[in-house]
Amino acid sequence: MSAPGFIEVVAAVVIRPQGVLLCQRPDGVHLPLLWEFPGGKIDPGESPRQALERELREELEVSSSIASRVATVEHHYPEKSVRIQFFAADIAGTPRPVVHRELRWIAADHLDDYQVPPANRSVVRMVRDGGVR
C-alpha cells in the first residue's frame, strides 16, 4: 500500500482531558525542535496500526489502543515526501520522551502556540476546531 516515492508514516492523535499530546523533535534530525504528533515510519510487513503501536512503545514507553484513522496527509519537503496516516489513539501509562526532546499535553485552544511540521498542520487545525475527539 506504499505510494511511489513516499515515506510511509503513522502518527497518533492522543487527546485527554488535560490536552493533546505533542512531542518536540530533537536536535540533529529533519525539522529539529518542531512539535509533532508521536509516531514514525511503517516497517516492511507492518500494518499502519501495528507500526503505530510499536512506535508508541519505542518512543514513549506506553501501550496503546489505536482507533479510527482521522486523516491521511501527503506532503513534499525539499528533501523527501511523506504520506502520514493519523489515527485517534489512547495510551496506557505515563509517556516518557525517549527519543523526543520533550513532550507536553496542550489545550486544544493553545495548539497554535506551537510550531509543527507542515505535514501536521491540517490535523492540528482539525483537533483545534473540535473535529477530532
N, C-alpha and C. Protein backbone atom coordinates (compact mmCIF):
# COMPACT_ATOMS: atom_id res chain seq x y z
N MET A 1 0.81 -1.19 0.00
CA MET A 1 0.00 0.00 0.00
C MET A 1 0.86 1.26 0.00
N SER A 2 2.13 1.12 -0.24
CA SER A 2 3.04 2.26 -0.25
C SER A 2 2.88 3.06 -1.52
N ALA A 3 2.77 4.37 -1.37
CA ALA A 3 2.68 5.26 -2.52
C ALA A 3 4.08 5.45 -3.08
N PRO A 4 4.24 5.37 -4.41
CA PRO A 4 5.57 5.51 -5.00
C PRO A 4 6.23 6.83 -4.60
N GLY A 5 7.48 6.73 -4.12
CA GLY A 5 8.23 7.91 -3.78
C GLY A 5 7.94 8.50 -2.40
N PHE A 6 6.99 7.92 -1.69
CA PHE A 6 6.63 8.45 -0.38
C PHE A 6 7.21 7.58 0.73
N ILE A 7 7.65 8.22 1.80
CA ILE A 7 7.98 7.52 3.03
C ILE A 7 6.67 7.37 3.78
N GLU A 8 6.31 6.13 4.13
CA GLU A 8 5.05 5.83 4.80
C GLU A 8 5.21 5.99 6.31
N VAL A 9 4.37 6.84 6.89
CA VAL A 9 4.48 7.21 8.30
C VAL A 9 3.11 7.12 8.95
N VAL A 10 3.10 6.85 10.25
CA VAL A 10 1.87 6.88 11.05
C VAL A 10 2.08 7.81 12.23
N ALA A 11 0.97 8.40 12.70
CA ALA A 11 1.05 9.29 13.86
C ALA A 11 -0.22 9.15 14.68
N ALA A 12 -0.07 9.34 16.00
CA ALA A 12 -1.18 9.19 16.94
C ALA A 12 -1.68 10.55 17.39
N VAL A 13 -2.99 10.71 17.34
CA VAL A 13 -3.64 11.88 17.91
C VAL A 13 -4.23 11.41 19.25
N VAL A 14 -3.53 11.77 20.33
CA VAL A 14 -3.92 11.34 21.67
C VAL A 14 -4.50 12.55 22.39
N ILE A 15 -5.78 12.45 22.74
CA ILE A 15 -6.47 13.56 23.40
C ILE A 15 -6.99 13.07 24.74
N ARG A 16 -6.65 13.80 25.77
CA ARG A 16 -7.12 13.53 27.13
C ARG A 16 -7.70 14.81 27.69
N PRO A 17 -8.36 14.74 28.84
CA PRO A 17 -8.91 15.98 29.42
C PRO A 17 -7.85 17.08 29.61
N GLN A 18 -6.60 16.69 29.89
CA GLN A 18 -5.55 17.69 30.11
C GLN A 18 -4.98 18.24 28.82
N GLY A 19 -5.38 17.70 27.66
CA GLY A 19 -4.91 18.26 26.40
C GLY A 19 -4.55 17.22 25.37
N VAL A 20 -3.89 17.71 24.34
CA VAL A 20 -3.45 16.91 23.20
C VAL A 20 -1.95 16.66 23.36
N LEU A 21 -1.53 15.43 23.12
CA LEU A 21 -0.12 15.09 23.28
C LEU A 21 0.68 15.50 22.05
N LEU A 22 1.66 16.40 22.25
CA LEU A 22 2.62 16.75 21.22
C LEU A 22 4.02 16.49 21.75
N CYS A 23 4.91 16.11 20.84
CA CYS A 23 6.29 15.78 21.19
C CYS A 23 7.22 16.68 20.40
N GLN A 24 8.28 17.15 21.06
CA GLN A 24 9.24 18.03 20.39
C GLN A 24 10.37 17.21 19.80
N ARG A 25 10.60 17.41 18.51
CA ARG A 25 11.67 16.69 17.82
C ARG A 25 13.02 17.13 18.38
N PRO A 26 13.98 16.19 18.46
CA PRO A 26 15.30 16.55 18.99
C PRO A 26 16.14 17.34 17.98
N ASP A 27 17.25 17.87 18.46
CA ASP A 27 18.25 18.48 17.57
C ASP A 27 18.82 17.41 16.66
N GLY A 28 19.35 17.80 15.52
CA GLY A 28 20.09 16.88 14.66
C GLY A 28 19.25 15.96 13.80
N VAL A 29 17.93 16.19 13.72
CA VAL A 29 17.06 15.39 12.85
C VAL A 29 16.35 16.33 11.87
N HIS A 30 15.66 15.74 10.91
CA HIS A 30 14.84 16.53 9.99
C HIS A 30 13.82 17.34 10.80
N LEU A 31 13.69 18.60 10.53
CA LEU A 31 12.76 19.51 11.22
C LEU A 31 13.00 19.55 12.73
N PRO A 32 14.23 19.84 13.15
CA PRO A 32 14.54 19.82 14.58
C PRO A 32 13.71 20.84 15.37
N LEU A 33 13.38 20.43 16.58
CA LEU A 33 12.70 21.25 17.60
C LEU A 33 11.25 21.60 17.28
N LEU A 34 10.72 21.12 16.16
CA LEU A 34 9.29 21.33 15.91
C LEU A 34 8.50 20.34 16.75
N TRP A 35 7.24 20.66 16.99
CA TRP A 35 6.34 19.81 17.79
C TRP A 35 5.52 18.96 16.84
N GLU A 36 5.31 17.70 17.18
CA GLU A 36 4.59 16.78 16.30
C GLU A 36 3.76 15.79 17.11
N PHE A 37 2.85 15.14 16.40
CA PHE A 37 2.14 14.01 16.98
C PHE A 37 3.11 12.84 17.00
N PRO A 38 3.10 12.01 18.05
CA PRO A 38 4.04 10.89 18.11
C PRO A 38 3.75 9.85 17.04
N GLY A 39 4.80 9.20 16.58
CA GLY A 39 4.65 8.16 15.56
C GLY A 39 5.97 7.94 14.85
N GLY A 40 5.89 7.35 13.66
CA GLY A 40 7.11 7.08 12.90
C GLY A 40 6.83 6.27 11.66
N LYS A 41 7.91 5.78 11.07
CA LYS A 41 7.83 5.05 9.81
C LYS A 41 7.20 3.67 9.99
N ILE A 42 6.52 3.24 8.95
CA ILE A 42 5.97 1.89 8.89
C ILE A 42 7.08 0.97 8.37
N ASP A 43 7.39 -0.07 9.11
CA ASP A 43 8.39 -1.05 8.69
C ASP A 43 7.76 -2.03 7.70
N PRO A 44 8.58 -2.64 6.83
CA PRO A 44 8.05 -3.64 5.89
C PRO A 44 7.31 -4.75 6.64
N GLY A 45 6.15 -5.12 6.12
CA GLY A 45 5.36 -6.19 6.72
C GLY A 45 4.44 -5.75 7.83
N GLU A 46 4.50 -4.50 8.25
CA GLU A 46 3.63 -4.00 9.31
C GLU A 46 2.39 -3.34 8.73
N SER A 47 1.28 -3.49 9.43
CA SER A 47 0.11 -2.69 9.09
C SER A 47 0.32 -1.32 9.74
N PRO A 48 -0.40 -0.31 9.29
CA PRO A 48 -0.26 1.00 9.93
C PRO A 48 -0.53 0.95 11.44
N ARG A 49 -1.54 0.21 11.86
CA ARG A 49 -1.85 0.13 13.29
C ARG A 49 -0.73 -0.57 14.07
N GLN A 50 -0.19 -1.64 13.51
CA GLN A 50 0.93 -2.33 14.17
C GLN A 50 2.13 -1.39 14.30
N ALA A 51 2.40 -0.64 13.23
CA ALA A 51 3.54 0.29 13.26
C ALA A 51 3.34 1.35 14.33
N LEU A 52 2.12 1.87 14.44
CA LEU A 52 1.87 2.91 15.42
C LEU A 52 1.98 2.37 16.85
N GLU A 53 1.46 1.18 17.09
CA GLU A 53 1.62 0.57 18.41
C GLU A 53 3.11 0.40 18.75
N ARG A 54 3.90 -0.07 17.79
CA ARG A 54 5.34 -0.25 18.01
C ARG A 54 6.02 1.10 18.27
N GLU A 55 5.72 2.09 17.45
CA GLU A 55 6.34 3.40 17.60
C GLU A 55 6.02 4.02 18.97
N LEU A 56 4.79 3.90 19.42
CA LEU A 56 4.42 4.45 20.72
C LEU A 56 5.13 3.73 21.86
N ARG A 57 5.31 2.41 21.72
CA ARG A 57 6.08 1.64 22.71
C ARG A 57 7.53 2.13 22.74
N GLU A 58 8.12 2.27 21.55
CA GLU A 58 9.54 2.64 21.46
C GLU A 58 9.78 4.10 21.85
N GLU A 59 8.93 5.00 21.40
CA GLU A 59 9.16 6.44 21.59
C GLU A 59 8.68 6.96 22.93
N LEU A 60 7.62 6.35 23.47
CA LEU A 60 7.00 6.89 24.69
C LEU A 60 6.94 5.89 25.84
N GLU A 61 7.29 4.63 25.57
CA GLU A 61 7.23 3.55 26.56
C GLU A 61 5.81 3.38 27.12
N VAL A 62 4.83 3.36 26.22
CA VAL A 62 3.44 3.16 26.61
C VAL A 62 2.82 2.09 25.70
N SER A 63 1.78 1.45 26.21
CA SER A 63 0.97 0.61 25.34
C SER A 63 -0.16 1.48 24.80
N SER A 64 -0.79 1.01 23.74
CA SER A 64 -1.77 1.87 23.09
C SER A 64 -2.93 1.08 22.53
N SER A 65 -3.99 1.80 22.30
CA SER A 65 -5.17 1.29 21.62
C SER A 65 -5.41 2.24 20.45
N ILE A 66 -5.31 1.71 19.24
CA ILE A 66 -5.41 2.54 18.04
C ILE A 66 -6.85 2.47 17.53
N ALA A 67 -7.46 3.63 17.36
CA ALA A 67 -8.85 3.71 16.91
C ALA A 67 -8.88 4.02 15.41
N SER A 68 -9.79 4.85 15.01
CA SER A 68 -10.00 5.12 13.59
C SER A 68 -8.96 6.08 13.01
N ARG A 69 -8.76 5.95 11.70
CA ARG A 69 -7.88 6.89 11.01
C ARG A 69 -8.65 8.20 10.88
N VAL A 70 -8.01 9.31 11.24
CA VAL A 70 -8.68 10.61 11.18
C VAL A 70 -8.25 11.43 9.98
N ALA A 71 -7.09 11.11 9.40
CA ALA A 71 -6.63 11.86 8.22
C ALA A 71 -5.46 11.13 7.59
N THR A 72 -5.28 11.36 6.32
CA THR A 72 -4.08 10.94 5.60
C THR A 72 -3.56 12.19 4.89
N VAL A 73 -2.29 12.49 5.13
CA VAL A 73 -1.70 13.71 4.56
C VAL A 73 -0.47 13.33 3.76
N GLU A 74 -0.40 13.82 2.54
CA GLU A 74 0.82 13.69 1.74
C GLU A 74 1.46 15.06 1.67
N HIS A 75 2.77 15.09 1.96
CA HIS A 75 3.48 16.37 1.95
C HIS A 75 4.85 16.19 1.31
N HIS A 76 5.21 17.16 0.48
CA HIS A 76 6.51 17.14 -0.19
C HIS A 76 7.42 18.18 0.44
N TYR A 77 8.44 17.70 1.14
CA TYR A 77 9.50 18.56 1.64
C TYR A 77 10.57 18.60 0.55
N PRO A 78 11.47 19.57 0.57
CA PRO A 78 12.51 19.61 -0.47
C PRO A 78 13.35 18.33 -0.54
N GLU A 79 13.58 17.71 0.64
CA GLU A 79 14.46 16.54 0.68
C GLU A 79 13.75 15.19 0.68
N LYS A 80 12.43 15.19 0.87
CA LYS A 80 11.69 13.92 0.86
C LYS A 80 10.19 14.18 0.84
N SER A 81 9.46 13.12 0.51
CA SER A 81 8.00 13.18 0.52
C SER A 81 7.48 12.16 1.52
N VAL A 82 6.48 12.58 2.32
CA VAL A 82 5.92 11.69 3.33
C VAL A 82 4.41 11.55 3.12
N ARG A 83 3.93 10.37 3.45
CA ARG A 83 2.49 10.11 3.49
C ARG A 83 2.21 9.66 4.91
N ILE A 84 1.49 10.52 5.68
CA ILE A 84 1.25 10.24 7.09
C ILE A 84 -0.21 9.88 7.29
N GLN A 85 -0.42 8.72 7.92
CA GLN A 85 -1.76 8.31 8.33
C GLN A 85 -1.88 8.65 9.82
N PHE A 86 -2.82 9.53 10.15
CA PHE A 86 -3.07 9.94 11.52
C PHE A 86 -4.22 9.13 12.08
N PHE A 87 -4.02 8.56 13.27
CA PHE A 87 -5.05 7.75 13.93
C PHE A 87 -5.37 8.34 15.29
N ALA A 88 -6.64 8.32 15.66
CA ALA A 88 -7.02 8.60 17.03
C ALA A 88 -6.48 7.43 17.85
N ALA A 89 -5.93 7.73 19.02
CA ALA A 89 -5.34 6.67 19.83
C ALA A 89 -5.47 7.02 21.31
N ASP A 90 -5.44 5.96 22.11
CA ASP A 90 -5.40 6.12 23.55
C ASP A 90 -4.15 5.40 24.02
N ILE A 91 -3.53 5.92 25.06
CA ILE A 91 -2.33 5.27 25.58
C ILE A 91 -2.55 4.92 27.05
N ALA A 92 -1.86 3.87 27.48
CA ALA A 92 -1.90 3.45 28.88
C ALA A 92 -0.54 3.72 29.47
N GLY A 93 -0.53 4.34 30.62
CA GLY A 93 0.73 4.66 31.27
C GLY A 93 1.08 6.13 31.07
N THR A 94 2.19 6.50 31.67
CA THR A 94 2.68 7.87 31.57
C THR A 94 3.75 7.93 30.50
N PRO A 95 3.52 8.68 29.42
CA PRO A 95 4.51 8.73 28.35
C PRO A 95 5.81 9.41 28.80
N ARG A 96 6.92 8.88 28.29
CA ARG A 96 8.24 9.46 28.54
C ARG A 96 8.85 9.85 27.19
N PRO A 97 9.58 10.96 27.14
CA PRO A 97 10.21 11.38 25.88
C PRO A 97 11.51 10.62 25.61
N VAL A 98 11.40 9.37 25.17
CA VAL A 98 12.57 8.53 24.95
C VAL A 98 13.42 9.07 23.80
N VAL A 99 12.81 9.42 22.68
CA VAL A 99 13.55 9.93 21.53
C VAL A 99 13.30 11.42 21.30
N HIS A 100 12.28 11.95 21.89
CA HIS A 100 11.96 13.37 21.72
C HIS A 100 12.66 14.20 22.78
N ARG A 101 12.79 15.47 22.50
CA ARG A 101 13.41 16.40 23.46
C ARG A 101 12.48 16.63 24.65
N GLU A 102 11.18 16.69 24.36
CA GLU A 102 10.20 16.98 25.40
C GLU A 102 8.83 16.55 24.89
N LEU A 103 7.89 16.36 25.81
CA LEU A 103 6.50 16.16 25.42
C LEU A 103 5.62 16.99 26.32
N ARG A 104 4.46 17.37 25.78
CA ARG A 104 3.53 18.20 26.53
C ARG A 104 2.09 17.84 26.19
N TRP A 105 1.23 18.00 27.18
CA TRP A 105 -0.21 17.93 26.97
C TRP A 105 -0.67 19.38 26.78
N ILE A 106 -1.22 19.67 25.63
CA ILE A 106 -1.53 21.05 25.26
C ILE A 106 -3.02 21.21 25.04
N ALA A 107 -3.60 22.21 25.68
CA ALA A 107 -5.03 22.51 25.47
C ALA A 107 -5.26 22.82 24.00
N ALA A 108 -6.35 22.31 23.45
CA ALA A 108 -6.64 22.47 22.01
C ALA A 108 -6.59 23.93 21.58
N ASP A 109 -7.07 24.83 22.43
CA ASP A 109 -7.08 26.24 22.04
C ASP A 109 -5.70 26.90 22.14
N HIS A 110 -4.68 26.14 22.55
CA HIS A 110 -3.31 26.65 22.58
C HIS A 110 -2.40 25.96 21.56
N LEU A 111 -2.95 25.08 20.74
CA LEU A 111 -2.13 24.36 19.76
C LEU A 111 -1.43 25.30 18.79
N ASP A 112 -2.05 26.43 18.46
CA ASP A 112 -1.44 27.37 17.51
C ASP A 112 -0.19 28.03 18.08
N ASP A 113 0.04 27.89 19.39
CA ASP A 113 1.23 28.46 20.01
C ASP A 113 2.48 27.62 19.75
N TYR A 114 2.31 26.44 19.15
CA TYR A 114 3.41 25.51 18.93
C TYR A 114 3.68 25.37 17.44
N GLN A 115 4.96 25.44 17.08
CA GLN A 115 5.34 25.29 15.68
C GLN A 115 5.41 23.81 15.34
N VAL A 116 4.61 23.39 14.35
CA VAL A 116 4.56 21.99 13.94
C VAL A 116 5.03 21.86 12.49
N PRO A 117 5.45 20.66 12.09
CA PRO A 117 5.83 20.46 10.69
C PRO A 117 4.65 20.74 9.76
N PRO A 118 4.92 21.20 8.57
CA PRO A 118 3.83 21.46 7.62
C PRO A 118 2.89 20.27 7.42
N ALA A 119 3.42 19.05 7.45
CA ALA A 119 2.58 17.86 7.25
C ALA A 119 1.61 17.63 8.40
N ASN A 120 1.81 18.26 9.54
CA ASN A 120 0.93 18.11 10.71
C ASN A 120 -0.12 19.21 10.82
N ARG A 121 0.05 20.30 10.08
CA ARG A 121 -0.77 21.50 10.30
C ARG A 121 -2.27 21.28 10.11
N SER A 122 -2.66 20.54 9.08
CA SER A 122 -4.10 20.35 8.84
C SER A 122 -4.73 19.53 9.97
N VAL A 123 -4.01 18.58 10.52
CA VAL A 123 -4.55 17.77 11.62
C VAL A 123 -4.59 18.60 12.90
N VAL A 124 -3.60 19.45 13.13
CA VAL A 124 -3.64 20.35 14.28
C VAL A 124 -4.89 21.23 14.19
N ARG A 125 -5.19 21.75 13.00
CA ARG A 125 -6.40 22.57 12.83
C ARG A 125 -7.66 21.76 13.11
N MET A 126 -7.70 20.51 12.64
CA MET A 126 -8.85 19.64 12.91
C MET A 126 -9.07 19.46 14.40
N VAL A 127 -7.99 19.18 15.12
CA VAL A 127 -8.07 18.97 16.57
C VAL A 127 -8.50 20.27 17.25
N ARG A 128 -7.85 21.35 16.88
CA ARG A 128 -8.15 22.67 17.49
C ARG A 128 -9.62 23.03 17.30
N ASP A 129 -10.17 22.72 16.12
CA ASP A 129 -11.54 23.09 15.80
C ASP A 129 -12.56 22.06 16.26
N GLY A 130 -12.10 21.03 16.99
CA GLY A 130 -13.01 20.02 17.55
C GLY A 130 -13.40 18.91 16.59
N GLY A 131 -12.68 18.79 15.47
CA GLY A 131 -13.00 17.75 14.50
C GLY A 131 -12.49 16.37 14.87
N VAL A 132 -11.64 16.30 15.87
CA VAL A 132 -11.12 15.02 16.36
C VAL A 132 -11.33 15.02 17.86
N ARG A 133 -11.95 13.96 18.38
CA ARG A 133 -12.21 13.87 19.82
C ARG A 133 -11.60 12.60 20.37
